[in-house]
Amino acid sequence: MEDITKIADDALGIFRDLESRRERAIRCSRDILRETKRMIHSIHVSGDGIESKNRLMALVSDLMSESGIDKPRMNIAPVEDALMEYAEAMILDSIVRHWSVPSFDDLGIGPQPWVLGLADCLGEMRRVVLTSLMADDIVKAESVFMMMEEISLTIMLFDVPDAILPIRRKQDIARGIMERTRTDITNAIVLSKIRH
């Protein structure tokens, strides 16, 4: 019976270590979520989220390395959400700066949070379009909308079970965002022609 007790103690030690790493990962995920909100806000307000971007990259690096979470064995919803928000913020930053969209490898994350973040980015891009239209910058609005169309077409290509990639709801939302944005740009162009 001593052998069983020893094995059980070893297992308990492993579980305690996993629990500790899980708690650290969840805390770090909360910090990432807060920082992504700051970064996206900065992008919309000043067009520059560089300070938040640097902090965010450091937090994600910490989450991916120090927490040591074995992701195939332990899917943690707050971690997945944080990585998805991170992807959204970094993709938006790249689009606003006219850079190419970073891949999931570039961001150091898996493909699932990258695809979901890409889908969510459409809502933030719509905000950029609306801000441009309010400033009478139809050229910028159209440019961002063209990128939105490319992203929308890309995310519509994913036809996989929700257990692998829960994208269907985001695809439906994307369709609505695209239709509303297309209408807003069309109306702005018509009004602009009437004025001139």
C-alpha atoms as a PDB file:
ATOM      1  CA  MET A   1       0.000   0.000   0.000  1.00  0.00           C
ATOM      2  CA  GLU A   2       2.950   2.343   0.515  1.00  0.00           C
ATOM      3  CA  ASP A   3       3.574   2.284  -3.236  1.00  0.00           C
ATOM      4  CA  ILE A   4       0.031   3.455  -3.958  1.00  0.00           C
ATOM      5  CA  THR A   5       0.355   6.293  -1.431  1.00  0.00           C
ATOM      6  CA  LYS A   6       3.647   7.391  -2.982  1.00  0.00           C
ATOM      7  CA  ILE A   7       2.175   7.314  -6.505  1.00  0.00           C
ATOM      8  CA  ALA A   8      -0.887   9.235  -5.306  1.00  0.00           C
ATOM      9  CA  ASP A   9       1.373  11.850  -3.654  1.00  0.00           C
ATOM     10  CA  ASP A  10       3.328  12.200  -6.906  1.00  0.00           C
ATOM     11  CA  ALA A  11       0.082  12.656  -8.837  1.00  0.00           C
ATOM     12  CA  LEU A  12      -1.118  15.245  -6.308  1.00  0.00           C
ATOM     13  CA  GLY A  13       2.142  17.169  -6.719  1.00  0.00           C
ATOM     14  CA  ILE A  14       1.628  17.251 -10.495  1.00  0.00           C
ATOM     15  CA  PHE A  15      -1.969  18.418 -10.080  1.00  0.00           C
ATOM     16  CA  ARG A  16      -0.928  21.199  -7.682  1.00  0.00           C
ATOM     17  CA  ASP A  17       1.710  22.352 -10.162  1.00  0.00           C
ATOM     18  CA  LEU A  18      -0.856  22.358 -12.981  1.00  0.00           C
ATOM     19  CA  GLU A  19      -3.308  24.274 -10.804  1.00  0.00           C
ATOM     20  CA  SER A  20      -0.663  26.876  -9.979  1.00  0.00           C
ATOM     21  CA  ARG A  21       0.262  27.289 -13.642  1.00  0.00           C
ATOM     22  CA  ARG A  22      -3.416  27.476 -14.587  1.00  0.00           C
ATOM     23  CA  GLU A  23      -4.024  30.254 -12.044  1.00  0.00           C
ATOM     24  CA  ARG A  24      -1.005  32.196 -13.358  1.00  0.00           C
ATOM     25  CA  ALA A  25      -2.277  31.764 -16.917  1.00  0.00           C
ATOM     26  CA  ILE A  26      -5.717  33.084 -15.958  1.00  0.00           C
ATOM     27  CA  ARG A  27      -4.205  36.128 -14.174  1.00  0.00           C
ATOM     28  CA  CYS A  28      -1.997  36.838 -17.193  1.00  0.00           C
ATOM     29  CA  SER A  29      -4.997  36.438 -19.505  1.00  0.00           C
ATOM     30  CA  ARG A  30      -6.876  39.130 -17.584  1.00  0.00           C
ATOM     31  CA  ASP A  31      -3.902  41.474 -17.999  1.00  0.00           C
ATOM     32  CA  ILE A  32      -3.830  40.717 -21.733  1.00  0.00           C
ATOM     33  CA  LEU A  33      -7.543  41.461 -22.080  1.00  0.00           C
ATOM     34  CA  ARG A  34      -7.115  44.810 -20.310  1.00  0.00           C
ATOM     35  CA  GLU A  35      -4.119  45.705 -22.478  1.00  0.00           C
ATOM     36  CA  THR A  36      -5.879  44.789 -25.734  1.00  0.00           C
ATOM     37  CA  LYS A  37      -8.717  47.142 -24.806  1.00  0.00           C
ATOM     38  CA  ARG A  38      -6.182  49.926 -24.181  1.00  0.00           C
ATOM     39  CA  MET A  39      -4.422  49.230 -27.452  1.00  0.00           C
ATOM     40  CA  ILE A  40      -7.611  49.201 -29.535  1.00  0.00           C
ATOM     41  CA  HIS A  41      -8.801  52.399 -27.838  1.00  0.00           C
ATOM     42  CA  SER A  42      -5.450  54.064 -28.583  1.00  0.00           C
ATOM     43  CA  ILE A  43      -5.626  52.994 -32.223  1.00  0.00           C
ATOM     44  CA  HIS A  44      -9.082  54.549 -32.604  1.00  0.00           C
ATOM     45  CA  VAL A  45      -8.241  57.741 -30.714  1.00  0.00           C
ATOM     46  CA  SER A  46      -4.702  58.530 -31.859  1.00  0.00           C
ATOM     47  CA  GLY A  47      -3.942  55.901 -34.481  1.00  0.00           C
ATOM     48  CA  ASP A  48      -1.049  54.698 -32.350  1.00  0.00           C
ATOM     49  CA  GLY A  49      -1.094  51.906 -29.800  1.00  0.00           C
ATOM     50  CA  ILE A  50       2.646  51.288 -29.688  1.00  0.00           C
ATOM     51  CA  GLU A  51       3.036  51.451 -25.885  1.00  0.00           C
ATOM     52  CA  SER A  52       0.177  49.039 -25.341  1.00  0.00           C
ATOM     53  CA  LYS A  53       1.474  46.868 -28.187  1.00  0.00           C
ATOM     54  CA  ASN A  54       4.867  46.443 -26.509  1.00  0.00           C
ATOM     55  CA  ARG A  55       3.279  45.589 -23.135  1.00  0.00           C
ATOM     56  CA  LEU A  56       0.855  43.238 -24.840  1.00  0.00           C
ATOM     57  CA  MET A  57       3.564  41.351 -26.691  1.00  0.00           C
ATOM     58  CA  ALA A  58       5.495  40.909 -23.434  1.00  0.00           C
ATOM     59  CA  LEU A  59       2.386  39.615 -21.643  1.00  0.00           C
ATOM     60  CA  VAL A  60       1.599  37.109 -24.390  1.00  0.00           C
ATOM     61  CA  SER A  61       5.188  35.932 -24.449  1.00  0.00           C
ATOM     62  CA  ASP A  62       4.983  35.431 -20.691  1.00  0.00           C
ATOM     63  CA  LEU A  63       1.695  33.560 -20.997  1.00  0.00           C
ATOM     64  CA  MET A  64       2.963  31.250 -23.721  1.00  0.00           C
ATOM     65  CA  SER A  65       6.291  30.422 -22.082  1.00  0.00           C
ATOM     66  CA  GLU A  66       6.252  30.903 -18.313  1.00  0.00           C
ATOM     67  CA  SER A  67       2.823  29.463 -17.560  1.00  0.00           C
ATOM     68  CA  GLY A  68       3.838  26.220 -19.234  1.00  0.00           C
ATOM     69  CA  ILE A  69       0.261  25.294 -19.967  1.00  0.00           C
ATOM     70  CA  ASP A  70      -0.017  22.163 -22.051  1.00  0.00           C
ATOM     71  CA  LYS A  71      -2.720  23.493 -24.368  1.00  0.00           C
ATOM     72  CA  PRO A  72      -3.856  20.225 -25.951  1.00  0.00           C
ATOM     73  CA  ARG A  73      -4.532  18.809 -22.471  1.00  0.00           C
ATOM     74  CA  MET A  74      -5.868  21.929 -20.813  1.00  0.00           C
ATOM     75  CA  ASN A  75      -8.096  24.314 -22.763  1.00  0.00           C
ATOM     76  CA  ILE A  76      -8.656  27.324 -20.542  1.00  0.00           C
ATOM     77  CA  ALA A  77     -11.398  29.656 -21.775  1.00  0.00           C
ATOM     78  CA  PRO A  78      -9.825  32.893 -20.396  1.00  0.00           C
ATOM     79  CA  VAL A  79      -6.534  32.031 -22.119  1.00  0.00           C
ATOM     80  CA  GLU A  80      -8.278  31.331 -25.444  1.00  0.00           C
ATOM     81  CA  ASP A  81     -10.250  34.595 -25.135  1.00  0.00           C
ATOM     82  CA  ALA A  82      -7.101  36.568 -24.332  1.00  0.00           C
ATOM     83  CA  LEU A  83      -5.210  35.148 -27.310  1.00  0.00           C
ATOM     84  CA  MET A  84      -8.168  35.879 -29.592  1.00  0.00           C
ATOM     85  CA  GLU A  85      -8.306  39.494 -28.368  1.00  0.00           C
ATOM     86  CA  TYR A  86      -4.536  39.759 -28.802  1.00  0.00           C
ATOM     87  CA  ALA A  87      -4.838  38.582 -32.414  1.00  0.00           C
ATOM     88  CA  GLU A  88      -7.628  41.106 -33.035  1.00  0.00           C
ATOM     89  CA  ALA A  89      -5.601  44.025 -31.636  1.00  0.00           C
ATOM     90  CA  MET A  90      -2.417  43.102 -33.511  1.00  0.00           C
ATOM     91  CA  ILE A  91      -4.248  42.558 -36.806  1.00  0.00           C
ATOM     92  CA  LEU A  92      -6.081  45.895 -36.434  1.00  0.00           C
ATOM     93  CA  ASP A  93      -2.801  47.655 -35.681  1.00  0.00           C
ATOM     94  CA  SER A  94      -1.220  46.190 -38.817  1.00  0.00           C
ATOM     95  CA  ILE A  95      -4.172  47.175 -40.997  1.00  0.00           C
ATOM     96  CA  VAL A  96      -4.282  50.749 -39.693  1.00  0.00           C
ATOM     97  CA  ARG A  97      -0.534  51.061 -40.346  1.00  0.00           C
ATOM     98  CA  HIS A  98      -0.947  49.563 -43.857  1.00  0.00           C
ATOM     99  CA  TRP A  99       1.240  46.605 -42.971  1.00  0.00           C
ATOM    100  CA  SER A 100       0.539  43.048 -44.001  1.00  0.00           C
ATOM    101  CA  VAL A 101      -1.671  41.043 -41.652  1.00  0.00           C
ATOM    102  CA  PRO A 102       0.519  39.035 -39.242  1.00  0.00           C
ATOM    103  CA  SER A 103       0.133  35.268 -39.327  1.00  0.00           C
ATOM    104  CA  PHE A 104      -0.543  33.179 -36.240  1.00  0.00           C
ATOM    105  CA  ASP A 105       3.108  32.106 -36.385  1.00  0.00           C
ATOM    106  CA  ASP A 106       4.160  35.781 -36.429  1.00  0.00           C
ATOM    107  CA  LEU A 107       2.055  36.354 -33.315  1.00  0.00           C
ATOM    108  CA  GLY A 108       3.258  33.182 -31.598  1.00  0.00           C
ATOM    109  CA  ILE A 109      -0.240  31.769 -31.152  1.00  0.00           C
ATOM    110  CA  GLY A 110      -2.303  28.943 -32.630  1.00  0.00           C
ATOM    111  CA  PRO A 111      -4.553  29.169 -35.683  1.00  0.00           C
ATOM    112  CA  GLN A 112      -7.843  29.079 -33.748  1.00  0.00           C
ATOM    113  CA  PRO A 113      -7.448  32.348 -31.785  1.00  0.00           C
ATOM    114  CA  TRP A 114      -5.946  33.945 -34.907  1.00  0.00           C
ATOM    115  CA  VAL A 115      -8.965  33.121 -37.100  1.00  0.00           C
ATOM    116  CA  LEU A 116     -11.425  34.198 -34.390  1.00  0.00           C
ATOM    117  CA  GLY A 117      -9.466  37.425 -33.794  1.00  0.00           C
ATOM    118  CA  LEU A 118      -9.423  38.086 -37.541  1.00  0.00           C
ATOM    119  CA  ALA A 119     -13.214  37.734 -37.612  1.00  0.00           C
ATOM    120  CA  ASP A 120     -13.645  40.079 -34.642  1.00  0.00           C
ATOM    121  CA  CYS A 121     -11.376  42.627 -36.277  1.00  0.00           C
ATOM    122  CA  LEU A 122     -14.150  43.435 -38.766  1.00  0.00           C
ATOM    123  CA  GLY A 123     -16.137  45.256 -36.069  1.00  0.00           C
ATOM    124  CA  GLU A 124     -13.155  47.453 -35.190  1.00  0.00           C
ATOM    125  CA  MET A 125     -12.489  48.111 -38.872  1.00  0.00           C
ATOM    126  CA  ARG A 126     -16.100  49.228 -39.243  1.00  0.00           C
ATOM    127  CA  ARG A 127     -15.411  51.804 -36.530  1.00  0.00           C
ATOM    128  CA  VAL A 128     -12.432  53.062 -38.563  1.00  0.00           C
ATOM    129  CA  VAL A 129     -14.662  53.319 -41.650  1.00  0.00           C
ATOM    130  CA  LEU A 130     -17.347  55.259 -39.745  1.00  0.00           C
ATOM    131  CA  THR A 131     -14.771  57.618 -38.238  1.00  0.00           C
ATOM    132  CA  SER A 132     -13.358  58.235 -41.718  1.00  0.00           C
ATOM    133  CA  LEU A 133     -16.821  58.904 -43.133  1.00  0.00           C
ATOM    134  CA  MET A 134     -17.566  61.400 -40.338  1.00  0.00           C
ATOM    135  CA  ALA A 135     -14.326  63.185 -41.269  1.00  0.00           C
ATOM    136  CA  ASP A 136     -15.410  63.177 -44.959  1.00  0.00           C
ATOM    137  CA  ASP A 137     -12.482  60.909 -45.825  1.00  0.00           C
ATOM    138  CA  ILE A 138     -14.293  58.601 -48.242  1.00  0.00           C
ATOM    139  CA  VAL A 139     -11.010  57.442 -49.807  1.00  0.00           C
ATOM    140  CA  LYS A 140      -9.773  56.051 -46.472  1.00  0.00           C
ATOM    141  CA  ALA A 141     -13.193  54.548 -45.717  1.00  0.00           C
ATOM    142  CA  GLU A 142     -13.216  52.755 -49.063  1.00  0.00           C
ATOM    143  CA  SER A 143      -9.636  51.549 -48.590  1.00  0.00           C
ATOM    144  CA  VAL A 144     -10.418  50.041 -45.180  1.00  0.00           C
ATOM    145  CA  PHE A 145     -13.642  48.563 -46.532  1.00  0.00           C
ATOM    146  CA  MET A 146     -11.727  46.807 -49.323  1.00  0.00           C
ATOM    147  CA  MET A 147      -9.564  45.166 -46.671  1.00  0.00           C
ATOM    148  CA  MET A 148     -12.726  44.265 -44.727  1.00  0.00           C
ATOM    149  CA  GLU A 149     -14.061  42.530 -47.822  1.00  0.00           C
ATOM    150  CA  GLU A 150     -10.875  40.502 -48.160  1.00  0.00           C
ATOM    151  CA  ILE A 151     -11.018  39.465 -44.491  1.00  0.00           C
ATOM    152  CA  SER A 152     -14.727  38.667 -44.709  1.00  0.00           C
ATOM    153  CA  LEU A 153     -14.204  36.442 -47.752  1.00  0.00           C
ATOM    154  CA  THR A 154     -11.324  34.725 -45.967  1.00  0.00           C
ATOM    155  CA  ILE A 155     -13.269  33.884 -42.805  1.00  0.00           C
ATOM    156  CA  MET A 156     -16.204  32.589 -44.868  1.00  0.00           C
ATOM    157  CA  LEU A 157     -13.879  29.873 -46.224  1.00  0.00           C
ATOM    158  CA  PHE A 158     -13.749  28.130 -42.841  1.00  0.00           C
ATOM    159  CA  ASP A 159     -16.347  25.370 -42.817  1.00  0.00           C
ATOM    160  CA  VAL A 160     -15.314  23.165 -39.917  1.00  0.00           C
ATOM    161  CA  PRO A 161     -17.152  21.758 -36.885  1.00  0.00           C
ATOM    162  CA  ASP A 162     -17.628  24.162 -33.966  1.00  0.00           C
ATOM    163  CA  ALA A 163     -15.670  21.785 -31.742  1.00  0.00           C
ATOM    164  CA  ILE A 164     -12.603  22.596 -33.845  1.00  0.00           C
ATOM    165  CA  LEU A 165     -13.325  26.257 -34.652  1.00  0.00           C
ATOM    166  CA  PRO A 166     -16.456  28.007 -33.318  1.00  0.00           C
ATOM    167  CA  ILE A 167     -16.661  30.415 -36.279  1.00  0.00           C
ATOM    168  CA  ARG A 168     -20.249  30.143 -37.564  1.00  0.00           C
ATOM    169  CA  ARG A 169     -21.720  32.802 -35.275  1.00  0.00           C
ATOM    170  CA  LYS A 170     -18.856  35.174 -36.128  1.00  0.00           C
ATOM    171  CA  GLN A 171     -19.444  34.515 -39.838  1.00  0.00           C
ATOM    172  CA  ASP A 172     -23.108  35.523 -39.418  1.00  0.00           C
ATOM    173  CA  ILE A 173     -22.095  38.669 -37.539  1.00  0.00           C
ATOM    174  CA  ALA A 174     -19.527  39.453 -40.255  1.00  0.00           C
ATOM    175  CA  ARG A 175     -22.221  39.325 -42.946  1.00  0.00           C
ATOM    176  CA  GLY A 176     -24.280  41.900 -41.048  1.00  0.00           C
ATOM    177  CA  ILE A 177     -21.267  44.157 -40.439  1.00  0.00           C
ATOM    178  CA  MET A 178     -20.352  44.050 -44.127  1.00  0.00           C
ATOM    179  CA  GLU A 179     -23.872  44.885 -45.319  1.00  0.00           C
ATOM    180  CA  ARG A 180     -24.256  47.810 -42.893  1.00  0.00           C
ATOM    181  CA  THR A 181     -20.811  49.172 -43.760  1.00  0.00           C
ATOM    182  CA  ARG A 182     -21.440  48.853 -47.511  1.00  0.00           C
ATOM    183  CA  THR A 183     -24.695  50.801 -47.053  1.00  0.00           C
ATOM    184  CA  ASP A 184     -22.963  53.494 -44.988  1.00  0.00           C
ATOM    185  CA  ILE A 185     -20.256  54.008 -47.616  1.00  0.00           C
ATOM    186  CA  THR A 186     -22.783  54.056 -50.468  1.00  0.00           C
ATOM    187  CA  ASN A 187     -24.878  56.659 -48.641  1.00  0.00           C
ATOM    188  CA  ALA A 188     -21.782  58.787 -47.948  1.00  0.00           C
ATOM    189  CA  ILE A 189     -20.748  58.680 -51.614  1.00  0.00           C
ATOM    190  CA  VAL A 190     -24.265  59.659 -52.763  1.00  0.00           C
ATOM    191  CA  LEU A 191     -24.397  62.548 -50.253  1.00  0.00           C
ATOM    192  CA  SER A 192     -20.967  63.698 -51.321  1.00  0.00           C
ATOM    193  CA  LYS A 193     -22.071  63.837 -54.968  1.00  0.00           C
ATOM    194  CA  ILE A 194     -25.252  65.720 -54.041  1.00  0.00           C
ATOM    195  CA  ARG A 195     -23.204  68.310 -52.092  1.00  0.00           C
ATOM    196  CA  HIS A 196     -20.840  68.868 -54.980  1.00  0.00           C
END
